[in-house]
Amino acid sequence: MTNGPLERHDDSTGSKEPGTGRGRVTGLVVTSDCCPPETDAAELAIVSMVTVIDGVPYHDSELSAARCLEIVGQSSGPVTTSLPSPGEFIEAIRRLDAQDVLVLTATRRFSGSYSSACLAARICAEESDLPVSVRVLDTQSAVAGTGLLVRLALQTAADGARIEAVERRVRRAMPQVWLAGALHVRDSIHRSQRLPAFALKMAASIDRLPAFALTSKRISLLGVPKKSEAVSFLAECTAKRLSGQPASILIFHVGELESAQQLAGCVDSNLKATAIEIASLSSTVASQTGPGVIGIAALPAGSA
């Protein structure tokens, strides 16, 4: 494994020729917690994450965030999440029927999907009927931030680009991704240890929403706005970050559709948005955050 975010597995035996017996040039695999686009594009395969409630597994593909929270609310037992196995990644790779496959995962700081995907890539390197090359890329972002990179990669792959060009374009864009969100403080968030504990405790004590930003380099506290001010706060922080640059915008939420729509309105009025989408986070993510999450991801035009 390399020291950087890219794990590359290429067949070097000479037993397979690029493109032999396969259809698309480059296929993409992504996990369901990364806000993948709602599309039936042949270049994209989604691996479903799993939430386990009272010992019963629920795949993201079969359970909405809202329904997941209903079940969690009725449960008195533990709620956990399960990573996709290497076998599930391999199944997705097979479905693509592509010459080469790029697997995009959320940052290793938040998810173990990267390690599982790397193991799948190693197995693929030994299989004669699987793609010549499977590469795994840690996007150094999460949820909607990774989702924007997936959209960029999908657009590039759909144009017939080879895997080297798709990977290069995504890697150039990664440092430019902006992801910010505000969320209610809950025990599950404290237990995850993914966000600074001091900020969570402070926000809980004064009944405010901690707002965080995630870039490729770090997680930082943006502030602790009141719930009524969270939308305008996130819009202002994003505008400051973009400094007038046009950008693709992906707004995400858990149980906050109205707030998400308000945020989209603020973005449309005050930012140079080339595209605006709204997405509910997956049931796996919702089971850990609970309701009350609102956030925004931005990718400046020309980043790649």
Protein backbone atom coordinates (compact mmCIF):
# COMPACT_ATOMS: atom_id res chain seq x y z
CA MET A 1 0.00 0.00 0.00
CA THR A 2 1.32 3.44 -0.83
CA ASN A 3 1.66 6.27 1.69
CA GLY A 4 -0.78 8.47 -0.22
CA PRO A 5 -4.54 8.05 -0.65
CA LEU A 6 -4.22 6.00 -3.82
CA GLU A 7 -4.02 2.22 -3.79
CA ARG A 8 -3.18 0.90 -7.27
CA HIS A 9 -3.49 -2.74 -8.32
CA ASP A 10 -2.47 -3.49 -11.91
CA ASP A 11 -2.02 -6.85 -13.54
CA SER A 12 1.60 -7.12 -14.62
CA THR A 13 1.71 -10.71 -15.78
CA GLY A 14 0.90 -9.91 -19.38
CA SER A 15 -1.91 -12.45 -19.33
CA LYS A 16 -4.61 -9.85 -19.93
CA GLU A 17 -4.86 -7.10 -22.51
CA PRO A 18 -6.62 -3.81 -21.74
CA GLY A 19 -10.20 -3.91 -22.88
CA THR A 20 -10.28 -7.60 -23.72
CA GLY A 21 -13.84 -8.87 -23.42
CA ARG A 22 -15.08 -5.83 -21.53
CA GLY A 23 -17.43 -2.96 -22.37
CA ARG A 24 -16.96 0.52 -20.88
CA VAL A 25 -13.50 2.06 -20.65
CA THR A 26 -13.70 3.20 -17.01
CA GLY A 27 -16.20 2.21 -14.34
CA LEU A 28 -16.73 3.78 -10.91
CA VAL A 29 -17.63 2.21 -7.58
CA VAL A 30 -18.78 4.24 -4.56
CA THR A 31 -20.43 3.45 -1.24
CA SER A 32 -23.99 4.58 -0.50
CA ASP A 33 -22.98 6.90 2.36
CA CYS A 34 -21.25 9.26 -0.09
CA CYS A 35 -24.34 10.95 -1.58
CA PRO A 36 -24.07 9.25 -4.98
CA PRO A 37 -26.18 10.78 -7.76
CA GLU A 38 -29.59 9.34 -8.54
CA THR A 39 -28.75 7.92 -11.93
CA ASP A 40 -28.82 4.68 -13.84
CA ALA A 41 -25.53 5.51 -15.57
CA ALA A 42 -23.85 2.32 -16.66
CA GLU A 43 -20.46 3.63 -15.51
CA LEU A 44 -21.49 3.72 -11.80
CA ALA A 45 -22.02 0.92 -9.26
CA ILE A 46 -23.06 1.63 -5.67
CA VAL A 47 -22.12 -0.57 -2.72
CA SER A 48 -24.75 -0.36 0.00
CA MET A 49 -23.73 0.30 3.60
CA VAL A 50 -25.60 -1.50 6.38
CA THR A 51 -27.23 -0.33 9.62
CA VAL A 52 -27.79 -2.98 12.28
CA ILE A 53 -30.71 -2.24 14.65
CA ASP A 54 -31.52 -4.74 17.39
CA GLY A 55 -29.44 -7.27 15.51
CA VAL A 56 -31.37 -6.81 12.25
CA PRO A 57 -29.35 -5.58 9.23
CA TYR A 58 -30.82 -2.90 6.94
CA HIS A 59 -29.12 -1.90 3.70
CA ASP A 60 -29.14 1.75 2.64
CA SER A 61 -30.68 0.62 -0.64
CA GLU A 62 -33.80 -0.63 1.15
CA LEU A 63 -34.25 1.91 3.93
CA SER A 64 -34.63 5.70 3.79
CA ALA A 65 -33.10 7.91 6.45
CA ALA A 66 -36.56 8.86 7.73
CA ARG A 67 -37.68 5.25 8.07
CA CYS A 68 -34.37 4.33 9.69
CA LEU A 69 -34.87 6.98 12.36
CA GLU A 70 -38.38 5.70 13.00
CA ILE A 71 -37.04 2.20 13.63
CA VAL A 72 -34.21 3.54 15.78
CA GLY A 73 -36.73 5.53 17.82
CA GLN A 74 -38.74 2.37 18.51
CA SER A 75 -35.65 0.37 19.41
CA SER A 76 -34.21 -0.13 22.88
CA GLY A 77 -31.16 -2.01 21.68
CA PRO A 78 -27.84 -1.03 20.11
CA VAL A 79 -27.55 0.65 16.72
CA THR A 80 -24.37 -0.03 14.77
CA THR A 81 -23.15 0.18 11.20
CA SER A 82 -21.39 -2.43 9.11
CA LEU A 83 -18.78 -1.83 6.44
CA PRO A 84 -19.13 -3.39 3.00
CA SER A 85 -17.07 -6.55 2.71
CA PRO A 86 -14.40 -6.96 0.02
CA GLY A 87 -16.80 -9.40 -1.64
CA GLU A 88 -19.45 -6.70 -1.99
CA PHE A 89 -16.93 -4.40 -3.67
CA ILE A 90 -15.97 -7.23 -6.01
CA GLU A 91 -19.62 -7.82 -6.91
CA ALA A 92 -19.96 -4.13 -7.82
CA ILE A 93 -16.80 -4.28 -9.92
CA ARG A 94 -18.17 -7.29 -11.81
CA ARG A 95 -21.47 -5.51 -12.51
CA LEU A 96 -19.70 -2.67 -14.28
CA ASP A 97 -18.20 -4.79 -17.07
CA ALA A 98 -15.52 -2.12 -17.51
CA GLN A 99 -11.93 -2.33 -18.66
CA ASP A 100 -10.71 -0.49 -15.54
CA VAL A 101 -12.42 0.49 -12.29
CA LEU A 102 -11.83 3.40 -9.90
CA VAL A 103 -13.25 2.98 -6.40
CA LEU A 104 -13.91 6.25 -4.56
CA THR A 105 -14.27 6.14 -0.78
CA ALA A 106 -14.85 8.58 2.05
CA THR A 107 -11.83 9.66 4.06
CA ARG A 108 -10.18 7.01 6.18
CA ARG A 109 -10.62 9.35 9.15
CA PHE A 110 -14.36 8.58 9.07
CA SER A 111 -14.74 5.21 7.41
CA GLY A 112 -13.08 1.83 7.03
CA SER A 113 -14.44 1.44 3.50
CA TYR A 114 -11.06 2.32 2.03
CA SER A 115 -9.33 -0.67 3.65
CA SER A 116 -12.09 -3.04 2.55
CA ALA A 117 -11.93 -1.71 -1.02
CA CYS A 118 -8.14 -2.10 -1.10
CA LEU A 119 -8.46 -5.74 -0.10
CA ALA A 120 -11.02 -6.21 -2.87
CA ALA A 121 -8.59 -4.65 -5.34
CA ARG A 122 -5.86 -7.10 -4.33
CA ILE A 123 -8.22 -10.02 -4.85
CA CYS A 124 -9.22 -8.65 -8.26
CA ALA A 125 -5.59 -8.55 -9.30
CA GLU A 126 -5.54 -12.35 -8.98
CA GLU A 127 -8.81 -12.96 -10.87
CA SER A 128 -8.54 -13.58 -14.61
CA ASP A 129 -12.13 -12.51 -15.37
CA LEU A 130 -11.98 -9.16 -13.54
CA PRO A 131 -10.75 -5.74 -14.79
CA VAL A 132 -7.13 -5.27 -15.74
CA SER A 133 -6.79 -2.45 -13.20
CA VAL A 134 -8.68 -1.60 -10.02
CA ARG A 135 -7.64 1.55 -8.22
CA VAL A 136 -8.88 2.77 -4.84
CA LEU A 137 -8.87 6.46 -4.01
CA ASP A 138 -9.42 7.99 -0.58
CA THR A 139 -11.20 11.24 -1.48
CA GLN A 140 -10.19 12.90 1.81
CA SER A 141 -13.78 14.07 2.18
CA ALA A 142 -17.12 12.49 3.11
CA VAL A 143 -20.86 12.43 2.35
CA ALA A 144 -21.65 15.28 -0.07
CA GLY A 145 -18.01 16.28 -0.49
CA THR A 146 -17.21 12.84 -1.85
CA GLY A 147 -20.51 12.99 -3.72
CA LEU A 148 -19.32 15.99 -5.74
CA LEU A 149 -16.11 14.17 -6.63
CA VAL A 150 -18.15 11.15 -7.70
CA ARG A 151 -20.17 13.38 -10.04
CA LEU A 152 -16.98 14.82 -11.49
CA ALA A 153 -15.53 11.35 -12.03
CA LEU A 154 -18.77 10.08 -13.56
CA GLN A 155 -18.90 12.95 -16.03
CA THR A 156 -15.31 12.24 -17.04
CA ALA A 157 -15.82 8.48 -17.34
CA ALA A 158 -19.03 8.93 -19.33
CA ASP A 159 -17.02 10.91 -21.88
CA GLY A 160 -14.93 7.80 -22.48
CA ALA A 161 -11.84 8.85 -20.52
CA ARG A 162 -9.37 6.21 -19.41
CA ILE A 163 -8.87 5.57 -15.71
CA GLU A 164 -5.66 7.62 -15.56
CA ALA A 165 -7.50 10.73 -16.78
CA VAL A 166 -10.44 10.17 -14.42
CA GLU A 167 -8.15 9.68 -11.43
CA ARG A 168 -6.02 12.68 -12.34
CA ARG A 169 -9.05 14.95 -12.60
CA VAL A 170 -10.45 13.82 -9.24
CA ARG A 171 -7.11 14.18 -7.48
CA ARG A 172 -6.73 17.74 -8.77
CA ALA A 173 -10.20 18.62 -7.46
CA MET A 174 -9.86 17.00 -4.02
CA PRO A 175 -8.05 19.89 -2.25
CA GLN A 176 -10.74 22.32 -3.47
CA VAL A 177 -13.74 20.50 -1.99
CA TRP A 178 -15.52 22.42 0.78
CA LEU A 179 -17.83 20.56 3.15
CA ALA A 180 -19.62 22.24 6.04
CA GLY A 181 -22.50 21.18 8.24
CA ALA A 182 -24.40 21.91 11.44
CA LEU A 183 -25.91 19.20 13.59
CA HIS A 184 -27.71 18.54 16.84
CA VAL A 185 -25.49 17.08 19.55
CA ARG A 186 -26.35 13.49 20.47
CA ASP A 187 -24.72 10.68 22.40
CA SER A 188 -23.95 8.80 19.19
CA ILE A 189 -21.94 11.75 17.89
CA HIS A 190 -19.96 11.93 21.13
CA ARG A 191 -19.23 8.19 20.93
CA SER A 192 -18.06 8.38 17.33
CA GLN A 193 -15.11 10.63 18.34
CA ARG A 194 -15.10 12.03 14.80
CA LEU A 195 -15.71 15.65 15.84
CA PRO A 196 -13.93 17.74 18.50
CA ALA A 197 -15.40 16.85 21.92
CA PHE A 198 -14.94 20.31 23.40
CA ALA A 199 -17.08 21.88 20.69
CA LEU A 200 -19.83 19.30 21.09
CA LYS A 201 -19.96 19.81 24.86
CA MET A 202 -20.00 23.58 24.49
CA ALA A 203 -22.81 23.52 21.92
CA ALA A 204 -24.90 21.16 24.04
CA SER A 205 -24.52 23.34 27.13
CA ILE A 206 -25.78 26.49 25.37
CA ASP A 207 -28.39 24.86 23.13
CA ARG A 208 -26.75 25.76 19.84
CA LEU A 209 -25.70 23.79 16.76
CA PRO A 210 -21.98 23.19 16.31
CA ALA A 211 -20.97 23.87 12.71
CA PHE A 212 -17.91 22.14 11.29
CA ALA A 213 -15.94 22.26 8.07
CA LEU A 214 -14.06 19.36 6.53
CA THR A 215 -11.33 19.92 3.97
CA SER A 216 -8.67 17.54 2.69
CA LYS A 217 -6.38 18.72 5.49
CA ARG A 218 -8.50 18.99 8.63
CA ILE A 219 -11.78 19.22 10.51
CA SER A 220 -12.39 22.65 12.00
CA LEU A 221 -15.06 24.33 14.09
CA LEU A 222 -16.74 27.16 12.19
CA GLY A 223 -18.95 28.35 15.03
CA VAL A 224 -21.99 27.51 17.14
CA PRO A 225 -24.96 29.31 15.56
CA LYS A 226 -28.51 29.16 16.87
CA LYS A 227 -30.67 26.70 14.97
CA SER A 228 -32.63 29.58 13.43
CA GLU A 229 -29.38 31.03 12.09
CA ALA A 230 -27.72 27.82 10.87
CA VAL A 231 -28.82 28.20 7.26
CA SER A 232 -27.58 31.76 6.87
CA PHE A 233 -24.40 30.90 8.78
CA LEU A 234 -23.52 28.02 6.45
CA ALA A 235 -24.33 30.13 3.38
CA GLU A 236 -22.09 32.95 4.61
CA CYS A 237 -19.20 30.58 5.42
CA THR A 238 -19.49 28.98 1.98
CA ALA A 239 -19.60 32.35 0.22
CA LYS A 240 -16.47 33.41 2.10
CA ARG A 241 -14.72 30.19 1.15
CA LEU A 242 -15.59 30.47 -2.55
CA SER A 243 -14.72 34.19 -2.78
CA GLY A 244 -16.92 34.73 -5.81
CA GLN A 245 -15.88 31.58 -7.69
CA PRO A 246 -18.64 29.69 -9.51
CA ALA A 247 -19.16 26.24 -8.03
CA SER A 248 -21.22 23.06 -8.05
CA ILE A 249 -23.27 22.81 -4.86
CA LEU A 250 -24.64 19.73 -3.10
CA ILE A 251 -26.80 20.43 -0.04
CA PHE A 252 -27.41 17.56 2.38
CA HIS A 253 -29.68 16.98 5.35
CA VAL A 254 -31.28 14.50 7.72
CA GLY A 255 -34.89 15.39 8.41
CA GLU A 256 -34.35 19.03 7.47
CA LEU A 257 -35.75 19.31 3.94
CA GLU A 258 -37.25 22.75 4.57
CA SER A 259 -33.93 24.07 5.89
CA ALA A 260 -32.14 22.47 2.93
CA GLN A 261 -34.49 24.24 0.53
CA GLN A 262 -33.89 27.53 2.34
CA LEU A 263 -30.15 26.99 2.05
CA ALA A 264 -30.53 26.27 -1.67
CA GLY A 265 -32.43 29.55 -2.00
CA CYS A 266 -29.66 31.47 -0.23
CA VAL A 267 -27.05 29.85 -2.46
CA ASP A 268 -29.03 30.58 -5.61
CA SER A 269 -29.39 34.25 -4.63
CA ASN A 270 -25.92 34.97 -3.30
CA LEU A 271 -23.45 32.52 -4.84
CA LYS A 272 -22.46 31.77 -8.41
CA ALA A 273 -23.77 28.22 -8.44
CA THR A 274 -23.34 26.26 -11.66
CA ALA A 275 -25.56 23.49 -10.25
CA ILE A 276 -27.51 22.98 -7.01
CA GLU A 277 -28.70 19.62 -5.71
CA ILE A 278 -30.37 18.59 -2.46
CA ALA A 279 -29.83 15.11 -1.03
CA SER A 280 -30.93 13.31 2.11
CA LEU A 281 -28.08 11.50 3.80
CA SER A 282 -28.17 7.72 3.81
CA SER A 283 -29.82 5.69 6.56
CA THR A 284 -26.39 4.54 7.75
CA VAL A 285 -25.25 8.11 8.34
CA ALA A 286 -28.63 9.13 9.78
CA SER A 287 -28.50 6.31 12.32
CA GLN A 288 -25.33 7.86 13.75
CA THR A 289 -26.23 11.55 13.55
CA GLY A 290 -29.96 11.47 14.23
CA PRO A 291 -32.26 14.12 12.71
CA GLY A 292 -31.41 17.79 12.51
CA VAL A 293 -28.40 17.73 10.19
CA ILE A 294 -28.03 20.42 7.54
CA GLY A 295 -24.95 21.01 5.41
CA ILE A 296 -23.40 22.06 2.14
CA ALA A 297 -20.60 20.88 -0.13
CA ALA A 298 -19.05 23.00 -2.86
CA LEU A 299 -16.61 22.31 -5.66
CA PRO A 300 -15.36 25.38 -7.50
CA ALA A 301 -15.67 25.25 -11.29
CA GLY A 302 -12.35 24.63 -12.96
CA SER A 303 -10.91 22.81 -9.91
CA ALA A 304 -10.09 19.82 -12.08
